[in-house]
């Protein structure tokens, strides 16, 4: 779909108006909020993966312990 020159100039005008309304302080606040939200989202993602990884390691350790106990019980009945 082709845009007319008036639509493009209107969009550019709106972007310019928003940009000119942003002072350095407002840009800093917006950037700080964006950085904080990004950090929070990445931390939640990392913690979910870490919890899943630790759960898999705990299950593996439990299976290894059960296998060792079964091997020891097998030696006791044979020996």
PDB file of N, CA and C in Angstrom:
ATOM      1  N   UNK A   1       0.842  -1.164   0.000  1.00  0.00           N
ATOM      2  CA  UNK A   1       0.000   0.000   0.000  1.00  0.00           C
ATOM      3  C   UNK A   1       0.897   1.240   0.000  1.00  0.00           C
ATOM      4  N   UNK A   2       0.631   2.118  -0.952  1.00  0.00           N
ATOM      5  CA  UNK A   2       1.435   3.326  -1.102  1.00  0.00           C
ATOM      6  C   UNK A   2       0.923   4.425  -0.186  1.00  0.00           C
ATOM      7  N   UNK A   3       1.835   5.112   0.444  1.00  0.00           N
ATOM      8  CA  UNK A   3       1.459   6.237   1.306  1.00  0.00           C
ATOM      9  C   UNK A   3       1.629   7.537   0.508  1.00  0.00           C
ATOM     10  N   UNK A   4       0.710   8.434   0.730  1.00  0.00           N
ATOM     11  CA  UNK A   4       0.795   9.735   0.083  1.00  0.00           C
ATOM     12  C   UNK A   4       1.772  10.624   0.843  1.00  0.00           C
ATOM     13  N   UNK A   5       2.241  11.642   0.194  1.00  0.00           N
ATOM     14  CA  UNK A   5       3.220  12.544   0.787  1.00  0.00           C
ATOM     15  C   UNK A   5       2.647  13.230   2.023  1.00  0.00           C
ATOM     16  N   UNK A   6       1.335  13.469   2.033  1.00  0.00           N
ATOM     17  CA  UNK A   6       0.730  14.135   3.183  1.00  0.00           C
ATOM     18  C   UNK A   6       0.708  13.207   4.404  1.00  0.00           C
ATOM     19  N   UNK A   7       0.486  11.947   4.177  1.00  0.00           N
ATOM     20  CA  UNK A   7       0.516  10.988   5.284  1.00  0.00           C
ATOM     21  C   UNK A   7       1.924  10.886   5.865  1.00  0.00           C
ATOM     22  N   UNK A   8       2.903  10.818   5.003  1.00  0.00           N
ATOM     23  CA  UNK A   8       4.293  10.703   5.448  1.00  0.00           C
ATOM     24  C   UNK A   8       4.705  11.952   6.214  1.00  0.00           C
ATOM     25  N   UNK A   9       4.353  13.127   5.684  1.00  0.00           N
ATOM     26  CA  UNK A   9       4.727  14.364   6.369  1.00  0.00           C
ATOM     27  C   UNK A   9       3.992  14.496   7.696  1.00  0.00           C
ATOM     28  N   UNK A  10       2.770  13.990   7.775  1.00  0.00           N
ATOM     29  CA  UNK A  10       2.025  14.030   9.034  1.00  0.00           C
ATOM     30  C   UNK A  10       2.689  13.133  10.084  1.00  0.00           C
ATOM     31  N   UNK A  11       3.099  11.946   9.679  1.00  0.00           N
ATOM     32  CA  UNK A  11       3.777  11.025  10.592  1.00  0.00           C
ATOM     33  C   UNK A  11       5.106  11.623  11.050  1.00  0.00           C
ATOM     34  N   UNK A  12       5.873  12.189  10.131  1.00  0.00           N
ATOM     35  CA  UNK A  12       7.145  12.808  10.491  1.00  0.00           C
ATOM     36  C   UNK A  12       6.932  13.999  11.409  1.00  0.00           C
ATOM     37  N   UNK A  13       5.878  14.744  11.172  1.00  0.00           N
ATOM     38  CA  UNK A  13       5.560  15.874  12.044  1.00  0.00           C
ATOM     39  C   UNK A  13       5.228  15.418  13.458  1.00  0.00           C
ATOM     40  N   UNK A  14       4.473  14.327  13.567  1.00  0.00           N
ATOM     41  CA  UNK A  14       4.134  13.792  14.890  1.00  0.00           C
ATOM     42  C   UNK A  14       5.381  13.303  15.618  1.00  0.00           C
ATOM     43  N   UNK A  15       6.254  12.626  14.914  1.00  0.00           N
ATOM     44  CA  UNK A  15       7.500  12.143  15.522  1.00  0.00           C
ATOM     45  C   UNK A  15       8.364  13.321  15.958  1.00  0.00           C
ATOM     46  N   UNK A  16       8.421  14.346  15.142  1.00  0.00           N
ATOM     47  CA  UNK A  16       9.199  15.537  15.490  1.00  0.00           C
ATOM     48  C   UNK A  16       8.617  16.230  16.716  1.00  0.00           C
ATOM     49  N   UNK A  17       7.289  16.318  16.798  1.00  0.00           N
ATOM     50  CA  UNK A  17       6.652  16.954  17.946  1.00  0.00           C
ATOM     51  C   UNK A  17       6.947  16.185  19.234  1.00  0.00           C
ATOM     52  N   UNK A  18       6.873  14.880  19.151  1.00  0.00           N
ATOM     53  CA  UNK A  18       7.177  14.064  20.327  1.00  0.00           C
ATOM     54  C   UNK A  18       8.641  14.220  20.702  1.00  0.00           C
ATOM     55  N   UNK A  19       9.503  14.195  19.724  1.00  0.00           N
ATOM     56  CA  UNK A  19      10.935  14.338  19.983  1.00  0.00           C
ATOM     57  C   UNK A  19      11.290  15.690  20.571  1.00  0.00           C
ATOM     58  N   UNK A  20      10.643  16.745  20.102  1.00  0.00           N
ATOM     59  CA  UNK A  20      10.962  18.076  20.625  1.00  0.00           C
ATOM     60  C   UNK A  20      10.394  18.287  22.022  1.00  0.00           C
ATOM     61  N   UNK A  21       9.361  17.543  22.379  1.00  0.00           N
ATOM     62  CA  UNK A  21       8.775  17.661  23.717  1.00  0.00           C
ATOM     63  C   UNK A  21       9.627  16.936  24.758  1.00  0.00           C
ATOM     64  N   UNK A  22      10.481  16.058  24.303  1.00  0.00           N
ATOM     65  CA  UNK A  22      11.308  15.280  25.227  1.00  0.00           C
ATOM     66  C   UNK A  22      12.549  16.087  25.610  1.00  0.00           C
ATOM     67  N   UNK A  23      12.634  16.466  26.865  1.00  0.00           N
ATOM     68  CA  UNK A  23      13.844  17.116  27.355  1.00  0.00           C
ATOM     69  C   UNK A  23      14.852  16.035  27.717  1.00  0.00           C
ATOM     70  N   UNK A  24      16.056  16.464  27.996  1.00  0.00           N
ATOM     71  CA  UNK A  24      17.100  15.510  28.352  1.00  0.00           C
ATOM     72  C   UNK A  24      16.727  14.754  29.628  1.00  0.00           C
ATOM     73  N   UNK A  25      16.073  15.458  30.537  1.00  0.00           N
ATOM     74  CA  UNK A  25      15.652  14.808  31.787  1.00  0.00           C
ATOM     75  C   UNK A  25      14.604  13.729  31.505  1.00  0.00           C
ATOM     76  N   UNK A  26      13.651  14.042  30.653  1.00  0.00           N
ATOM     77  CA  UNK A  26      12.613  13.059  30.321  1.00  0.00           C
ATOM     78  C   UNK A  26      13.199  11.860  29.574  1.00  0.00           C
ATOM     79  N   UNK A  27      14.154  12.129  28.704  1.00  0.00           N
ATOM     80  CA  UNK A  27      14.814  11.035  27.981  1.00  0.00           C
ATOM     81  C   UNK A  27      15.544  10.141  28.973  1.00  0.00           C
ATOM     82  N   UNK A  28      16.204  10.762  29.944  1.00  0.00           N
ATOM     83  CA  UNK A  28      16.913   9.983  30.953  1.00  0.00           C
ATOM     84  C   UNK A  28      15.971   9.138  31.789  1.00  0.00           C
ATOM     85  N   UNK A  29      14.833   9.705  32.156  1.00  0.00           N
ATOM     86  CA  UNK A  29      13.845   8.949  32.932  1.00  0.00           C
ATOM     87  C   UNK A  29      13.292   7.799  32.101  1.00  0.00           C
ATOM     88  N   UNK A  30      12.947   8.083  30.851  1.00  0.00           N
ATOM     89  CA  UNK A  30      12.407   7.035  29.985  1.00  0.00           C
ATOM     90  C   UNK A  30      13.437   5.924  29.773  1.00  0.00           C
ATOM     91  N   UNK A  31      14.690   6.315  29.567  1.00  0.00           N
ATOM     92  CA  UNK A  31      15.745   5.321  29.375  1.00  0.00           C
ATOM     93  C   UNK A  31      15.953   4.506  30.648  1.00  0.00           C
ATOM     94  N   UNK A  32      15.893   5.161  31.799  1.00  0.00           N
ATOM     95  CA  UNK A  32      16.041   4.451  33.070  1.00  0.00           C
ATOM     96  C   UNK A  32      14.923   3.452  33.294  1.00  0.00           C
ATOM     97  N   UNK A  33      13.695   3.854  32.985  1.00  0.00           N
ATOM     98  CA  UNK A  33      12.560   2.944  33.136  1.00  0.00           C
ATOM     99  C   UNK A  33      12.706   1.766  32.179  1.00  0.00           C
ATOM    100  N   UNK A  34      13.059   2.054  30.939  1.00  0.00           N
ATOM    101  CA  UNK A  34      13.241   0.986  29.952  1.00  0.00           C
ATOM    102  C   UNK A  34      14.350   0.023  30.374  1.00  0.00           C
ATOM    103  N   UNK A  35      15.450   0.559  30.874  1.00  0.00           N
ATOM    104  CA  UNK A  35      16.554  -0.277  31.336  1.00  0.00           C
ATOM    105  C   UNK A  35      16.130  -1.136  32.525  1.00  0.00           C
ATOM    106  N   UNK A  36      15.400  -0.532  33.464  1.00  0.00           N
ATOM    107  CA  UNK A  36      14.926  -1.289  34.628  1.00  0.00           C
ATOM    108  C   UNK A  36      13.989  -2.413  34.243  1.00  0.00           C
ATOM    109  N   UNK A  37      13.043  -2.122  33.350  1.00  0.00           N
ATOM    110  CA  UNK A  37      12.109  -3.167  32.913  1.00  0.00           C
ATOM    111  C   UNK A  37      12.827  -4.280  32.156  1.00  0.00           C
ATOM    112  N   UNK A  38      13.773  -3.905  31.312  1.00  0.00           N
ATOM    113  CA  UNK A  38      14.534  -4.917  30.568  1.00  0.00           C
ATOM    114  C   UNK A  38      15.327  -5.799  31.523  1.00  0.00           C
ATOM    115  N   UNK A  39      15.957  -5.188  32.502  1.00  0.00           N
ATOM    116  CA  UNK A  39      16.722  -5.953  33.488  1.00  0.00           C
ATOM    117  C   UNK A  39      15.815  -6.905  34.259  1.00  0.00           C
ATOM    118  N   UNK A  40      14.652  -6.429  34.653  1.00  0.00           N
ATOM    119  CA  UNK A  40      13.708  -7.265  35.398  1.00  0.00           C
ATOM    120  C   UNK A  40      13.257  -8.463  34.556  1.00  0.00           C
ATOM    121  N   UNK A  41      12.899  -8.218  33.313  1.00  0.00           N
ATOM    122  CA  UNK A  41      12.435  -9.300  32.435  1.00  0.00           C
ATOM    123  C   UNK A  41      13.546 -10.323  32.206  1.00  0.00           C
ATOM    124  N   UNK A  42      14.756  -9.843  31.943  1.00  0.00           N
ATOM    125  CA  UNK A  42      15.873 -10.766  31.729  1.00  0.00           C
ATOM    126  C   UNK A  42      16.198 -11.553  32.988  1.00  0.00           C
ATOM    127  N   UNK A  43      16.088 -10.923  34.157  1.00  0.00           N
ATOM    128  CA  UNK A  43      16.361 -11.617  35.406  1.00  0.00           C
ATOM    129  C   UNK A  43      15.325 -12.711  35.652  1.00  0.00           C
ATOM    130  N   UNK A  44      14.050 -12.416  35.391  1.00  0.00           N
ATOM    131  CA  UNK A  44      13.006 -13.434  35.560  1.00  0.00           C
ATOM    132  C   UNK A  44      13.272 -14.600  34.615  1.00  0.00           C
ATOM    133  N   UNK A  45      13.608 -14.308  33.371  1.00  0.00           N
ATOM    134  CA  UNK A  45      13.909 -15.352  32.388  1.00  0.00           C
ATOM    135  C   UNK A  45      15.092 -16.210  32.850  1.00  0.00           C
ATOM    136  N   UNK A  46      16.153 -15.540  33.330  1.00  0.00           N
ATOM    137  CA  UNK A  46      17.332 -16.258  33.799  1.00  0.00           C
ATOM    138  C   UNK A  46      17.001 -17.132  35.010  1.00  0.00           C
ATOM    139  N   UNK A  47      16.236 -16.607  35.952  1.00  0.00           N
ATOM    140  CA  UNK A  47      15.910 -17.365  37.158  1.00  0.00           C
ATOM    141  C   UNK A  47      15.033 -18.580  36.828  1.00  0.00           C
ATOM    142  N   UNK A  48      14.118 -18.440  35.894  1.00  0.00           N
ATOM    143  CA  UNK A  48      13.298 -19.590  35.488  1.00  0.00           C
ATOM    144  C   UNK A  48      14.176 -20.684  34.886  1.00  0.00           C
ATOM    145  N   UNK A  49      15.110 -20.300  34.046  1.00  0.00           N
ATOM    146  CA  UNK A  49      16.015 -21.287  33.457  1.00  0.00           C
ATOM    147  C   UNK A  49      16.918 -21.900  34.514  1.00  0.00           C
ATOM    148  N   UNK A  50      17.393 -21.082  35.452  1.00  0.00           N
ATOM    149  CA  UNK A  50      18.258 -21.576  36.522  1.00  0.00           C
ATOM    150  C   UNK A  50      17.504 -22.576  37.388  1.00  0.00           C
ATOM    151  N   UNK A  51      16.248 -22.256  37.735  1.00  0.00           N
ATOM    152  CA  UNK A  51      15.445 -23.179  38.541  1.00  0.00           C
ATOM    153  C   UNK A  51      15.231 -24.505  37.818  1.00  0.00           C
ATOM    154  N   UNK A  52      14.955 -24.452  36.523  1.00  0.00           N
ATOM    155  CA  UNK A  52      14.757 -25.686  35.753  1.00  0.00           C
ATOM    156  C   UNK A  52      16.043 -26.499  35.710  1.00  0.00           C
ATOM    157  N   UNK A  53      17.170 -25.823  35.532  1.00  0.00           N
ATOM    158  CA  UNK A  53      18.466 -26.509  35.492  1.00  0.00           C
ATOM    159  C   UNK A  53      18.768 -27.169  36.837  1.00  0.00           C
ATOM    160  N   UNK A  54      18.523 -26.447  37.930  1.00  0.00           N
ATOM    161  CA  UNK A  54      18.767 -27.013  39.261  1.00  0.00           C
ATOM    162  C   UNK A  54      17.822 -28.179  39.543  1.00  0.00           C
ATOM    163  N   UNK A  55      16.598 -28.122  39.049  1.00  0.00           N
ATOM    164  CA  UNK A  55      15.653 -29.215  39.236  1.00  0.00           C
ATOM    165  C   UNK A  55      16.142 -30.465  38.507  1.00  0.00           C
ATOM    166  N   UNK A  56      16.637 -30.282  37.274  1.00  0.00           N
ATOM    167  CA  UNK A  56      17.173 -31.437  36.531  1.00  0.00           C
ATOM    168  C   UNK A  56      18.376 -32.029  37.242  1.00  0.00           C
ATOM    169  N   UNK A  57      19.249 -31.183  37.783  1.00  0.00           N
ATOM    170  CA  UNK A  57      20.421 -31.684  38.503  1.00  0.00           C
ATOM    171  C   UNK A  57      20.015 -32.426  39.769  1.00  0.00           C
ATOM    172  N   UNK A  58      19.002 -31.940  40.469  1.00  0.00           N
ATOM    173  CA  UNK A  58      18.531 -32.615  41.681  1.00  0.00           C
ATOM    174  C   UNK A  58      17.929 -33.982  41.339  1.00  0.00           C
ATOM    175  N   UNK A  59      17.166 -34.051  40.255  1.00  0.00           N
ATOM    176  CA  UNK A  59      16.591 -35.336  39.848  1.00  0.00           C
ATOM    177  C   UNK A  59      17.682 -36.322  39.451  1.00  0.00           C
ATOM    178  N   UNK A  60      18.705 -35.852  38.760  1.00  0.00           N
ATOM    179  CA  UNK A  60      19.813 -36.715  38.374  1.00  0.00           C
ATOM    180  C   UNK A  60      20.547 -37.217  39.609  1.00  0.00           C
ATOM    181  N   UNK A  61      20.786 -36.346  40.568  1.00  0.00           N
ATOM    182  CA  UNK A  61      21.465 -36.752  41.802  1.00  0.00           C
ATOM    183  C   UNK A  61      20.625 -37.785  42.558  1.00  0.00           C
ATOM    184  N   UNK A  62      19.308 -37.606  42.565  1.00  0.00           N
ATOM    185  CA  UNK A  62      18.429 -38.553  43.244  1.00  0.00           C
ATOM    186  C   UNK A  62      18.485 -39.920  42.553  1.00  0.00           C
ATOM    187  N   UNK A  63      18.474 -39.917  41.229  1.00  0.00           N
ATOM    188  CA  UNK A  63      18.552 -41.201  40.503  1.00  0.00           C
ATOM    189  C   UNK A  63      19.893 -41.884  40.758  1.00  0.00           C
ATOM    190  N   UNK A  64      20.967 -41.103  40.790  1.00  0.00           N
ATOM    191  CA  UNK A  64      22.278 -41.693  41.069  1.00  0.00           C
ATOM    192  C   UNK A  64      22.323 -42.292  42.469  1.00  0.00           C
ATOM    193  N   UNK A  65      21.755 -41.591  43.435  1.00  0.00           N
ATOM    194  CA  UNK A  65      21.729 -42.093  44.808  1.00  0.00           C
ATOM    195  C   UNK A  65      20.913 -43.378  44.902  1.00  0.00           C
ATOM    196  N   UNK A  66      19.764 -43.398  44.243  1.00  0.00           N
ATOM    197  CA  UNK A  66      18.932 -44.605  44.247  1.00  0.00           C
ATOM    198  C   UNK A  66      19.644 -45.773  43.592  1.00  0.00           C
ATOM    199  N   UNK A  67      20.372 -45.508  42.501  1.00  0.00           N
ATOM    200  CA  UNK A  67      21.103 -46.574  41.812  1.00  0.00           C
ATOM    201  C   UNK A  67      22.226 -47.111  42.702  1.00  0.00           C
ATOM    202  N   UNK A  68      22.916 -46.232  43.417  1.00  0.00           N
ATOM    203  CA  UNK A  68      23.975 -46.688  44.321  1.00  0.00           C
ATOM    204  C   UNK A  68      23.411 -47.503  45.472  1.00  0.00           C
ATOM    205  N   UNK A  69      22.282 -47.055  46.018  1.00  0.00           N
ATOM    206  CA  UNK A  69      21.647 -47.819  47.093  1.00  0.00           C
ATOM    207  C   UNK A  69      21.196 -49.189  46.601  1.00  0.00           C
ATOM    208  N   UNK A  70      20.640 -49.245  45.412  1.00  0.00           N
ATOM    209  CA  UNK A  70      20.213 -50.526  44.859  1.00  0.00           C
ATOM    210  C   UNK A  70      21.415 -51.435  44.636  1.00  0.00           C
ATOM    211  N   UNK A  71      22.529 -50.854  44.176  1.00  0.00           N
ATOM    212  CA  UNK A  71      23.737 -51.662  43.970  1.00  0.00           C
ATOM    213  C   UNK A  71      24.270 -52.187  45.299  1.00  0.00           C
ATOM    214  N   UNK A  72      24.236 -51.368  46.338  1.00  0.00           N
ATOM    215  CA  UNK A  72      24.697 -51.807  47.671  1.00  0.00           C
ATOM    216  C   UNK A  72      23.792 -52.899  48.221  1.00  0.00           C
ATOM    217  N   UNK A  73      22.492 -52.762  48.065  1.00  0.00           N
ATOM    218  CA  UNK A  73      21.557 -53.796  48.533  1.00  0.00           C
ATOM    219  C   UNK A  73      21.760 -55.085  47.770  1.00  0.00           C
ATOM    220  N   UNK A  74      22.059 -54.964  46.464  1.00  0.00           N
ATOM    221  CA  UNK A  74      22.316 -56.164  45.676  1.00  0.00           C
ATOM    222  C   UNK A  74      23.565 -56.884  46.121  1.00  0.00           C
ATOM    223  N   UNK A  75      24.593 -56.147  46.542  1.00  0.00           N
ATOM    224  CA  UNK A  75      25.831 -56.755  47.057  1.00  0.00           C
ATOM    225  C   UNK A  75      25.594 -57.418  48.398  1.00  0.00           C
ATOM    226  N   UNK A  76      24.751 -56.810  49.227  1.00  0.00           N
ATOM    227  CA  UNK A  76      24.480 -57.368  50.556  1.00  0.00           C
ATOM    228  C   UNK A  76      23.739 -58.706  50.445  1.00  0.00           C
ATOM    229  N   UNK A  77      22.804 -58.812  49.507  1.00  0.00           N
ATOM    230  CA  UNK A  77      22.052 -60.070  49.369  1.00  0.00           C
ATOM    231  C   UNK A  77      22.907 -61.132  48.699  1.00  0.00           C
ATOM    232  N   UNK A  78      23.825 -60.758  47.847  1.00  0.00           N
ATOM    233  CA  UNK A  78      24.693 -61.723  47.164  1.00  0.00           C
ATOM    234  C   UNK A  78      25.891 -62.088  48.032  1.00  0.00           C
ATOM    235  N   UNK A  79      26.316 -61.182  48.883  1.00  0.00           N
ATOM    236  CA  UNK A  79      27.559 -61.376  49.616  1.00  0.00           C
ATOM    237  C   UNK A  79      27.321 -61.917  50.949  1.00  0.00           C
TER     238      UNK A  79
END
